[in-house]
Amino acid sequence: MPVVRANRKVKPGKHAILDVFPGLDQSAAFRSIFPDGLREEVLRDCRIDVVPEDMYMYIDDDAGNVVAGLGYLKTGDEKIVYLDVLHELTHIRQWHAGKELWDRRYNYVDRPTEIEAYQVAVDEARRLGMTDREIAEYLRVEWTSREEHERLCHHLGVRSPESRAV
């Protein structure tokens, strides 16, 4: 199955998930995140709140929606946007399960909810044929240090090109 592509013509506002990501419901990765009746609820109720701010994605844990930057949806690399929405939807499942998404006892890269969400994205990235180098680059975010990035890669079984490990 090809990468699920974002609707690049989307306008700011709250949209049904399939209006922003048509075909997402057919994605094996999406179906694995929601293997039960929660899938229908998420498809019906979860919104993608497209905002004009320059940003990636996060979840609104008050409403159970995904918030996404308009520019990112319009110009972001298709694979990366797809992996990001899978990551955020994993947080939506965790939110429905009552998990503590922002548990401050953990560093971001060690937080169980983040590791789980990134693992979903990494598994799909591998299915799409991305190399460990490409996946490690995907996992690099500006709010983590080099050491934290390497630790996240280690947690997820991704060989980081900057790692000192042989």
N, C-alpha and C. Protein backbone atom coordinates (compact mmCIF):
# COMPACT_ATOMS: atom_id res chain seq x y z
N MET A 1 0.84 -1.18 0.00
CA MET A 1 0.00 0.00 0.00
C MET A 1 0.88 1.24 0.00
N PRO A 2 0.54 2.24 -0.81
CA PRO A 2 1.33 3.47 -0.83
C PRO A 2 1.14 4.27 0.46
N VAL A 3 2.02 5.23 0.63
CA VAL A 3 1.93 6.12 1.79
C VAL A 3 0.61 6.87 1.74
N VAL A 4 -0.04 6.98 2.89
CA VAL A 4 -1.26 7.79 2.98
C VAL A 4 -0.82 9.24 2.88
N ARG A 5 -1.42 9.97 1.97
CA ARG A 5 -1.03 11.35 1.73
C ARG A 5 -2.02 12.31 2.37
N ALA A 6 -1.46 13.40 2.89
CA ALA A 6 -2.31 14.45 3.45
C ALA A 6 -2.99 15.20 2.31
N ASN A 7 -4.19 15.64 2.57
CA ASN A 7 -4.92 16.50 1.63
C ASN A 7 -4.23 17.86 1.65
N ARG A 8 -3.48 18.16 0.62
CA ARG A 8 -2.68 19.40 0.56
C ARG A 8 -3.56 20.64 0.33
N LYS A 9 -4.82 20.45 0.03
CA LYS A 9 -5.73 21.58 -0.23
C LYS A 9 -6.51 21.98 1.02
N VAL A 10 -6.20 21.34 2.14
CA VAL A 10 -6.94 21.59 3.38
C VAL A 10 -6.77 23.06 3.81
N LYS A 11 -7.79 23.58 4.43
CA LYS A 11 -7.79 24.96 4.95
C LYS A 11 -7.75 24.90 6.48
N PRO A 12 -7.38 25.98 7.13
CA PRO A 12 -7.42 25.99 8.60
C PRO A 12 -8.83 25.67 9.10
N GLY A 13 -8.90 25.01 10.25
CA GLY A 13 -10.18 24.63 10.85
C GLY A 13 -10.14 23.19 11.31
N LYS A 14 -11.23 22.75 11.91
CA LYS A 14 -11.35 21.37 12.38
C LYS A 14 -11.95 20.51 11.27
N HIS A 15 -11.29 19.42 10.98
CA HIS A 15 -11.70 18.55 9.87
C HIS A 15 -11.80 17.11 10.33
N ALA A 16 -12.69 16.36 9.72
CA ALA A 16 -12.74 14.92 9.94
C ALA A 16 -11.40 14.33 9.52
N ILE A 17 -10.96 13.32 10.25
CA ILE A 17 -9.64 12.75 10.01
C ILE A 17 -9.46 12.27 8.57
N LEU A 18 -10.52 11.66 8.00
CA LEU A 18 -10.39 11.14 6.63
C LEU A 18 -10.47 12.25 5.58
N ASP A 19 -10.92 13.44 5.95
CA ASP A 19 -10.88 14.57 5.02
C ASP A 19 -9.45 15.09 4.87
N VAL A 20 -8.66 14.95 5.92
CA VAL A 20 -7.27 15.40 5.87
C VAL A 20 -6.35 14.27 5.43
N PHE A 21 -6.66 13.06 5.82
CA PHE A 21 -5.85 11.89 5.46
C PHE A 21 -6.73 10.84 4.80
N PRO A 22 -7.16 11.09 3.56
CA PRO A 22 -8.01 10.11 2.88
C PRO A 22 -7.30 8.76 2.75
N GLY A 23 -8.03 7.71 3.03
CA GLY A 23 -7.47 6.36 2.93
C GLY A 23 -6.76 5.89 4.18
N LEU A 24 -6.64 6.76 5.18
CA LEU A 24 -5.95 6.36 6.41
C LEU A 24 -6.60 5.13 7.04
N ASP A 25 -7.92 5.03 6.93
CA ASP A 25 -8.63 3.90 7.52
C ASP A 25 -8.26 2.57 6.88
N GLN A 26 -7.64 2.61 5.69
CA GLN A 26 -7.21 1.39 5.01
C GLN A 26 -5.76 1.02 5.33
N SER A 27 -5.06 1.90 6.03
CA SER A 27 -3.66 1.67 6.38
C SER A 27 -3.57 0.56 7.43
N ALA A 28 -2.71 -0.42 7.17
CA ALA A 28 -2.50 -1.50 8.13
C ALA A 28 -1.95 -0.94 9.45
N ALA A 29 -1.11 0.08 9.36
CA ALA A 29 -0.54 0.68 10.57
C ALA A 29 -1.65 1.34 11.40
N PHE A 30 -2.54 2.08 10.75
CA PHE A 30 -3.66 2.70 11.47
C PHE A 30 -4.53 1.63 12.12
N ARG A 31 -4.82 0.58 11.35
CA ARG A 31 -5.67 -0.48 11.87
C ARG A 31 -5.01 -1.21 13.05
N SER A 32 -3.68 -1.27 13.06
CA SER A 32 -2.99 -1.91 14.19
C SER A 32 -3.01 -1.02 15.44
N ILE A 33 -3.08 0.29 15.26
CA ILE A 33 -3.19 1.20 16.40
C ILE A 33 -4.55 1.02 17.07
N PHE A 34 -5.58 0.83 16.24
CA PHE A 34 -6.96 0.71 16.73
C PHE A 34 -7.55 -0.62 16.26
N PRO A 35 -7.15 -1.74 16.88
CA PRO A 35 -7.62 -3.05 16.41
C PRO A 35 -9.04 -3.39 16.86
N ASP A 36 -9.68 -2.50 17.58
CA ASP A 36 -10.98 -2.83 18.17
C ASP A 36 -12.02 -1.77 17.83
N GLY A 37 -13.09 -1.73 18.57
CA GLY A 37 -14.18 -0.79 18.31
C GLY A 37 -13.79 0.67 18.43
N LEU A 38 -12.67 0.95 19.06
CA LEU A 38 -12.21 2.34 19.18
C LEU A 38 -11.92 2.94 17.81
N ARG A 39 -11.57 2.10 16.83
CA ARG A 39 -11.26 2.60 15.48
C ARG A 39 -12.44 3.40 14.92
N GLU A 40 -13.63 2.85 15.01
CA GLU A 40 -14.81 3.54 14.47
C GLU A 40 -15.07 4.85 15.21
N GLU A 41 -14.88 4.83 16.53
CA GLU A 41 -15.07 6.04 17.32
C GLU A 41 -14.07 7.12 16.91
N VAL A 42 -12.83 6.73 16.73
CA VAL A 42 -11.80 7.70 16.33
C VAL A 42 -12.09 8.24 14.94
N LEU A 43 -12.46 7.38 14.02
CA LEU A 43 -12.78 7.84 12.67
C LEU A 43 -13.98 8.79 12.68
N ARG A 44 -14.92 8.56 13.57
CA ARG A 44 -16.12 9.40 13.66
C ARG A 44 -15.85 10.71 14.40
N ASP A 45 -15.12 10.63 15.51
CA ASP A 45 -15.04 11.77 16.43
C ASP A 45 -13.73 12.55 16.42
N CYS A 46 -12.64 11.90 16.10
CA CYS A 46 -11.34 12.59 16.15
C CYS A 46 -11.26 13.60 15.00
N ARG A 47 -10.83 14.78 15.33
CA ARG A 47 -10.67 15.84 14.34
C ARG A 47 -9.19 16.17 14.16
N ILE A 48 -8.88 16.63 12.97
CA ILE A 48 -7.57 17.23 12.73
C ILE A 48 -7.81 18.73 12.75
N ASP A 49 -7.28 19.38 13.76
CA ASP A 49 -7.43 20.82 13.91
C ASP A 49 -6.25 21.47 13.20
N VAL A 50 -6.50 21.96 12.00
CA VAL A 50 -5.46 22.57 11.17
C VAL A 50 -5.34 24.04 11.58
N VAL A 51 -4.14 24.40 12.02
CA VAL A 51 -3.90 25.75 12.50
C VAL A 51 -2.89 26.45 11.60
N PRO A 52 -3.00 27.79 11.48
CA PRO A 52 -2.08 28.50 10.59
C PRO A 52 -0.66 28.64 11.14
N GLU A 53 -0.46 28.34 12.43
CA GLU A 53 0.88 28.48 13.03
C GLU A 53 1.88 27.55 12.35
N ASP A 54 3.15 27.96 12.38
CA ASP A 54 4.24 27.17 11.81
C ASP A 54 4.64 26.12 12.84
N MET A 55 4.15 24.91 12.65
CA MET A 55 4.38 23.84 13.62
C MET A 55 4.17 22.48 12.99
N TYR A 56 4.53 21.43 13.72
CA TYR A 56 4.31 20.07 13.27
C TYR A 56 2.94 19.61 13.75
N MET A 57 2.91 18.56 14.57
CA MET A 57 1.65 18.02 15.10
C MET A 57 1.80 17.74 16.59
N TYR A 58 0.66 17.78 17.26
CA TYR A 58 0.57 17.34 18.64
C TYR A 58 -0.88 16.99 18.91
N ILE A 59 -1.17 16.40 20.09
CA ILE A 59 -2.57 16.13 20.38
C ILE A 59 -3.10 17.14 21.39
N ASP A 60 -4.34 17.49 21.19
CA ASP A 60 -5.09 18.31 22.14
C ASP A 60 -5.69 17.32 23.12
N ASP A 61 -5.08 17.22 24.29
CA ASP A 61 -5.53 16.19 25.24
C ASP A 61 -6.76 16.62 26.03
N ASP A 62 -7.34 17.77 25.71
CA ASP A 62 -8.64 18.12 26.26
C ASP A 62 -9.75 17.55 25.38
N ALA A 63 -9.54 17.62 24.06
CA ALA A 63 -10.59 17.21 23.12
C ALA A 63 -10.33 15.87 22.44
N GLY A 64 -9.11 15.34 22.53
CA GLY A 64 -8.80 14.09 21.85
C GLY A 64 -8.67 14.27 20.35
N ASN A 65 -8.12 15.42 19.95
CA ASN A 65 -7.91 15.73 18.53
C ASN A 65 -6.42 15.88 18.25
N VAL A 66 -6.09 15.82 16.97
CA VAL A 66 -4.73 16.09 16.53
C VAL A 66 -4.70 17.53 16.03
N VAL A 67 -3.70 18.28 16.46
CA VAL A 67 -3.49 19.64 15.99
C VAL A 67 -2.31 19.59 15.02
N ALA A 68 -2.48 20.19 13.84
CA ALA A 68 -1.42 20.15 12.82
C ALA A 68 -1.25 21.51 12.17
N GLY A 69 -0.01 21.88 11.94
CA GLY A 69 0.29 23.13 11.27
C GLY A 69 -0.06 23.05 9.79
N LEU A 70 -0.70 24.09 9.28
CA LEU A 70 -1.12 24.15 7.88
C LEU A 70 0.06 24.01 6.92
N GLY A 71 1.12 24.76 7.15
CA GLY A 71 2.28 24.70 6.27
C GLY A 71 2.90 23.32 6.24
N TYR A 72 2.96 22.67 7.39
CA TYR A 72 3.51 21.33 7.47
C TYR A 72 2.68 20.35 6.65
N LEU A 73 1.37 20.43 6.79
CA LEU A 73 0.50 19.53 6.00
C LEU A 73 0.65 19.78 4.51
N LYS A 74 0.84 21.04 4.13
CA LYS A 74 0.92 21.39 2.71
C LYS A 74 2.27 21.09 2.08
N THR A 75 3.35 21.22 2.86
CA THR A 75 4.68 21.12 2.25
C THR A 75 5.58 20.06 2.85
N GLY A 76 5.18 19.46 3.97
CA GLY A 76 6.02 18.44 4.60
C GLY A 76 6.19 17.21 3.73
N ASP A 77 7.30 16.54 3.90
CA ASP A 77 7.55 15.29 3.18
C ASP A 77 6.40 14.32 3.48
N GLU A 78 5.83 13.73 2.44
CA GLU A 78 4.64 12.89 2.60
C GLU A 78 4.84 11.74 3.58
N LYS A 79 5.98 11.06 3.50
CA LYS A 79 6.23 9.94 4.41
C LYS A 79 6.29 10.43 5.85
N ILE A 80 6.96 11.55 6.05
CA ILE A 80 7.15 12.05 7.41
C ILE A 80 5.82 12.51 8.01
N VAL A 81 5.00 13.20 7.23
CA VAL A 81 3.69 13.63 7.70
C VAL A 81 2.85 12.41 8.07
N TYR A 82 2.91 11.38 7.24
CA TYR A 82 2.17 10.14 7.51
C TYR A 82 2.67 9.49 8.80
N LEU A 83 3.99 9.39 8.96
CA LEU A 83 4.54 8.79 10.18
C LEU A 83 4.15 9.61 11.41
N ASP A 84 4.16 10.93 11.25
CA ASP A 84 3.78 11.80 12.38
C ASP A 84 2.31 11.61 12.78
N VAL A 85 1.42 11.49 11.81
CA VAL A 85 0.01 11.32 12.19
C VAL A 85 -0.19 9.96 12.87
N LEU A 86 0.54 8.94 12.44
CA LEU A 86 0.46 7.65 13.13
C LEU A 86 0.96 7.78 14.57
N HIS A 87 2.04 8.51 14.75
CA HIS A 87 2.58 8.77 16.09
C HIS A 87 1.53 9.45 16.96
N GLU A 88 0.93 10.51 16.43
CA GLU A 88 -0.07 11.26 17.22
C GLU A 88 -1.33 10.42 17.47
N LEU A 89 -1.71 9.61 16.51
CA LEU A 89 -2.88 8.75 16.72
C LEU A 89 -2.61 7.68 17.78
N THR A 90 -1.36 7.27 17.91
CA THR A 90 -1.00 6.36 18.99
C THR A 90 -1.24 7.07 20.33
N HIS A 91 -0.90 8.36 20.40
CA HIS A 91 -1.19 9.14 21.61
C HIS A 91 -2.70 9.25 21.84
N ILE A 92 -3.48 9.35 20.76
CA ILE A 92 -4.94 9.40 20.90
C ILE A 92 -5.44 8.11 21.54
N ARG A 93 -4.91 6.96 21.10
CA ARG A 93 -5.29 5.68 21.71
C ARG A 93 -4.89 5.66 23.18
N GLN A 94 -3.67 6.13 23.47
CA GLN A 94 -3.21 6.17 24.86
C GLN A 94 -4.11 7.08 25.70
N TRP A 95 -4.51 8.20 25.12
CA TRP A 95 -5.39 9.16 25.80
C TRP A 95 -6.72 8.50 26.14
N HIS A 96 -7.28 7.77 25.16
CA HIS A 96 -8.53 7.05 25.41
C HIS A 96 -8.37 6.01 26.52
N ALA A 97 -7.18 5.43 26.63
CA ALA A 97 -6.91 4.42 27.66
C ALA A 97 -6.61 5.05 29.02
N GLY A 98 -6.57 6.38 29.07
CA GLY A 98 -6.32 7.07 30.34
C GLY A 98 -4.85 7.11 30.75
N LYS A 99 -3.94 6.88 29.81
CA LYS A 99 -2.52 6.92 30.14
C LYS A 99 -2.06 8.36 30.38
N GLU A 100 -1.05 8.50 31.21
CA GLU A 100 -0.43 9.80 31.47
C GLU A 100 0.53 10.10 30.31
N LEU A 101 0.10 10.96 29.41
CA LEU A 101 0.88 11.22 28.21
C LEU A 101 2.13 12.05 28.48
N TRP A 102 2.08 12.93 29.42
CA TRP A 102 3.19 13.87 29.64
C TRP A 102 3.86 13.61 30.99
N ASP A 103 4.05 12.36 31.34
CA ASP A 103 4.60 11.99 32.64
C ASP A 103 5.99 12.61 32.82
N ARG A 104 6.08 13.63 33.66
CA ARG A 104 7.30 14.41 33.86
C ARG A 104 8.37 13.64 34.64
N ARG A 105 8.05 12.45 35.12
CA ARG A 105 9.08 11.64 35.78
C ARG A 105 10.11 11.15 34.77
N TYR A 106 9.74 11.20 33.49
CA TYR A 106 10.62 10.70 32.44
C TYR A 106 11.09 11.82 31.54
N ASN A 107 12.29 11.69 31.07
CA ASN A 107 12.78 12.54 29.98
C ASN A 107 11.95 12.19 28.75
N TYR A 108 11.75 13.13 27.86
CA TYR A 108 10.95 12.92 26.65
C TYR A 108 11.30 11.61 25.94
N VAL A 109 12.60 11.36 25.72
CA VAL A 109 13.00 10.18 24.94
C VAL A 109 12.88 8.87 25.70
N ASP A 110 12.65 8.96 27.01
CA ASP A 110 12.51 7.76 27.84
C ASP A 110 11.06 7.51 28.26
N ARG A 111 10.18 8.43 27.92
CA ARG A 111 8.77 8.34 28.34
C ARG A 111 8.10 7.16 27.62
N PRO A 112 7.49 6.26 28.36
CA PRO A 112 6.88 5.08 27.73
C PRO A 112 5.87 5.41 26.62
N THR A 113 5.08 6.45 26.81
CA THR A 113 4.09 6.79 25.78
C THR A 113 4.77 7.28 24.50
N GLU A 114 5.90 7.99 24.63
CA GLU A 114 6.63 8.44 23.44
C GLU A 114 7.30 7.27 22.74
N ILE A 115 7.90 6.39 23.52
CA ILE A 115 8.56 5.23 22.92
C ILE A 115 7.55 4.39 22.15
N GLU A 116 6.39 4.17 22.75
CA GLU A 116 5.34 3.40 22.06
C GLU A 116 4.90 4.08 20.77
N ALA A 117 4.68 5.39 20.82
CA ALA A 117 4.22 6.12 19.63
C ALA A 117 5.30 6.14 18.55
N TYR A 118 6.54 6.34 18.95
CA TYR A 118 7.63 6.32 17.96
C TYR A 118 7.82 4.92 17.40
N GLN A 119 7.58 3.87 18.22
CA GLN A 119 7.74 2.50 17.71
C GLN A 119 6.75 2.22 16.59
N VAL A 120 5.53 2.72 16.72
CA VAL A 120 4.54 2.56 15.64
C VAL A 120 5.07 3.21 14.36
N ALA A 121 5.61 4.42 14.49
CA ALA A 121 6.14 5.13 13.31
C ALA A 121 7.36 4.41 12.73
N VAL A 122 8.25 3.94 13.59
CA VAL A 122 9.45 3.23 13.13
C VAL A 122 9.06 1.94 12.40
N ASP A 123 8.13 1.19 12.96
CA ASP A 123 7.70 -0.05 12.31
C ASP A 123 7.13 0.24 10.92
N GLU A 124 6.34 1.31 10.81
CA GLU A 124 5.77 1.66 9.50
C GLU A 124 6.86 2.18 8.57
N ALA A 125 7.81 2.93 9.09
CA ALA A 125 8.92 3.42 8.26
C ALA A 125 9.70 2.25 7.68
N ARG A 126 9.93 1.24 8.48
CA ARG A 126 10.64 0.05 7.98
C ARG A 126 9.80 -0.67 6.92
N ARG A 127 8.50 -0.75 7.16
CA ARG A 127 7.63 -1.40 6.16
C ARG A 127 7.69 -0.63 4.85
N LEU A 128 7.85 0.68 4.93
CA LEU A 128 7.93 1.52 3.73
C LEU A 128 9.30 1.46 3.06
N GLY A 129 10.25 0.77 3.69
CA GLY A 129 11.57 0.62 3.10
C GLY A 129 12.58 1.69 3.48
N MET A 130 12.28 2.48 4.49
CA MET A 130 13.24 3.50 4.93
C MET A 130 14.43 2.82 5.62
N THR A 131 15.61 3.38 5.41
CA THR A 131 16.83 2.86 6.03
C THR A 131 16.93 3.35 7.47
N ASP A 132 17.81 2.71 8.24
CA ASP A 132 18.02 3.18 9.61
C ASP A 132 18.50 4.63 9.62
N ARG A 133 19.31 5.02 8.66
CA ARG A 133 19.79 6.40 8.58
C ARG A 133 18.60 7.35 8.40
N GLU A 134 17.68 7.00 7.50
CA GLU A 134 16.49 7.85 7.28
C GLU A 134 15.59 7.87 8.51
N ILE A 135 15.44 6.72 9.15
CA ILE A 135 14.60 6.65 10.35
C ILE A 135 15.25 7.46 11.48
N ALA A 136 16.55 7.33 11.64
CA ALA A 136 17.25 8.11 12.68
C ALA A 136 17.07 9.60 12.42
N GLU A 137 17.11 10.01 11.18
CA GLU A 137 16.90 11.42 10.85
C GLU A 137 15.46 11.82 11.20
N TYR A 138 14.51 10.95 10.92
CA TYR A 138 13.12 11.21 11.30
C TYR A 138 13.00 11.42 12.81
N LEU A 139 13.74 10.64 13.58
CA LEU A 139 13.67 10.69 15.04
C LEU A 139 14.39 11.90 15.63
N ARG A 140 15.14 12.61 14.81
CA ARG A 140 15.87 13.78 15.30
C ARG A 140 14.89 14.96 15.41
N VAL A 141 14.70 15.44 16.62
CA VAL A 141 13.83 16.59 16.85
C VAL A 141 14.63 17.66 17.58
N GLU A 142 14.30 18.92 17.30
CA GLU A 142 15.12 20.02 17.80
C GLU A 142 15.12 20.17 19.32
N TRP A 143 14.17 19.57 20.01
CA TRP A 143 14.12 19.73 21.46
C TRP A 143 14.87 18.62 22.20
N THR A 144 15.63 17.79 21.47
CA THR A 144 16.44 16.78 22.14
C THR A 144 17.91 16.97 21.80
N SER A 145 18.76 16.59 22.74
CA SER A 145 20.21 16.66 22.52
C SER A 145 20.67 15.47 21.68
N ARG A 146 21.93 15.51 21.28
CA ARG A 146 22.50 14.38 20.54
C ARG A 146 22.43 13.10 21.38
N GLU A 147 22.78 13.21 22.65
CA GLU A 147 22.74 12.04 23.53
C GLU A 147 21.31 11.50 23.64
N GLU A 148 20.34 12.37 23.80
CA GLU A 148 18.95 11.94 23.91
C GLU A 148 18.49 11.29 22.60
N HIS A 149 18.90 11.86 21.48
CA HIS A 149 18.55 11.28 20.17
C HIS A 149 19.10 9.86 20.06
N GLU A 150 20.36 9.70 20.44
CA GLU A 150 20.97 8.37 20.39
C GLU A 150 20.22 7.40 21.32
N ARG A 151 19.81 7.88 22.47
CA ARG A 151 19.07 7.03 23.42
C ARG A 151 17.72 6.63 22.83
N LEU A 152 17.02 7.57 22.19
CA LEU A 152 15.75 7.25 21.56
C LEU A 152 15.95 6.20 20.46
N CYS A 153 16.97 6.40 19.64
CA CYS A 153 17.26 5.41 18.59
C CYS A 153 17.52 4.04 19.21
N HIS A 154 18.28 4.01 20.30
CA HIS A 154 18.58 2.75 20.98
C HIS A 154 17.29 2.09 21.49
N HIS A 155 16.42 2.88 22.12
CA HIS A 155 15.15 2.34 22.62
C HIS A 155 14.35 1.66 21.50
N LEU A 156 14.46 2.21 20.30
CA LEU A 156 13.63 1.76 19.18
C LEU A 156 14.34 0.78 18.25
N GLY A 157 15.57 0.43 18.58
CA GLY A 157 16.32 -0.51 17.75
C GLY A 157 16.74 0.07 16.42
N VAL A 158 16.99 1.38 16.39
CA VAL A 158 17.41 2.06 15.16
C VAL A 158 18.88 2.42 15.32
N ARG A 159 19.68 2.02 14.37
CA ARG A 159 21.11 2.37 14.42
C ARG A 159 21.26 3.83 14.02
N SER A 160 21.78 4.61 14.95
CA SER A 160 22.00 6.03 14.71
C SER A 160 23.35 6.24 14.05
N PRO A 161 23.41 6.99 12.94
CA PRO A 161 24.69 7.23 12.28
C PRO A 161 25.67 7.99 13.17
N GLU A 162 25.19 8.73 14.15
CA GLU A 162 26.09 9.48 15.01
C GLU A 162 26.51 8.69 16.25
N SER A 163 25.95 7.50 16.41
CA SER A 163 26.27 6.70 17.58
C SER A 163 27.74 6.27 17.55
N ARG A 164 28.34 6.23 18.73
CA ARG A 164 29.72 5.76 18.85
C ARG A 164 29.78 4.24 18.92
N ALA A 165 28.63 3.62 19.01
CA ALA A 165 28.59 2.15 19.11
C ALA A 165 29.03 1.52 17.79
N VAL A 166 29.72 0.42 17.91
CA VAL A 166 30.21 -0.28 16.71
C VAL A 166 29.24 -1.38 16.32
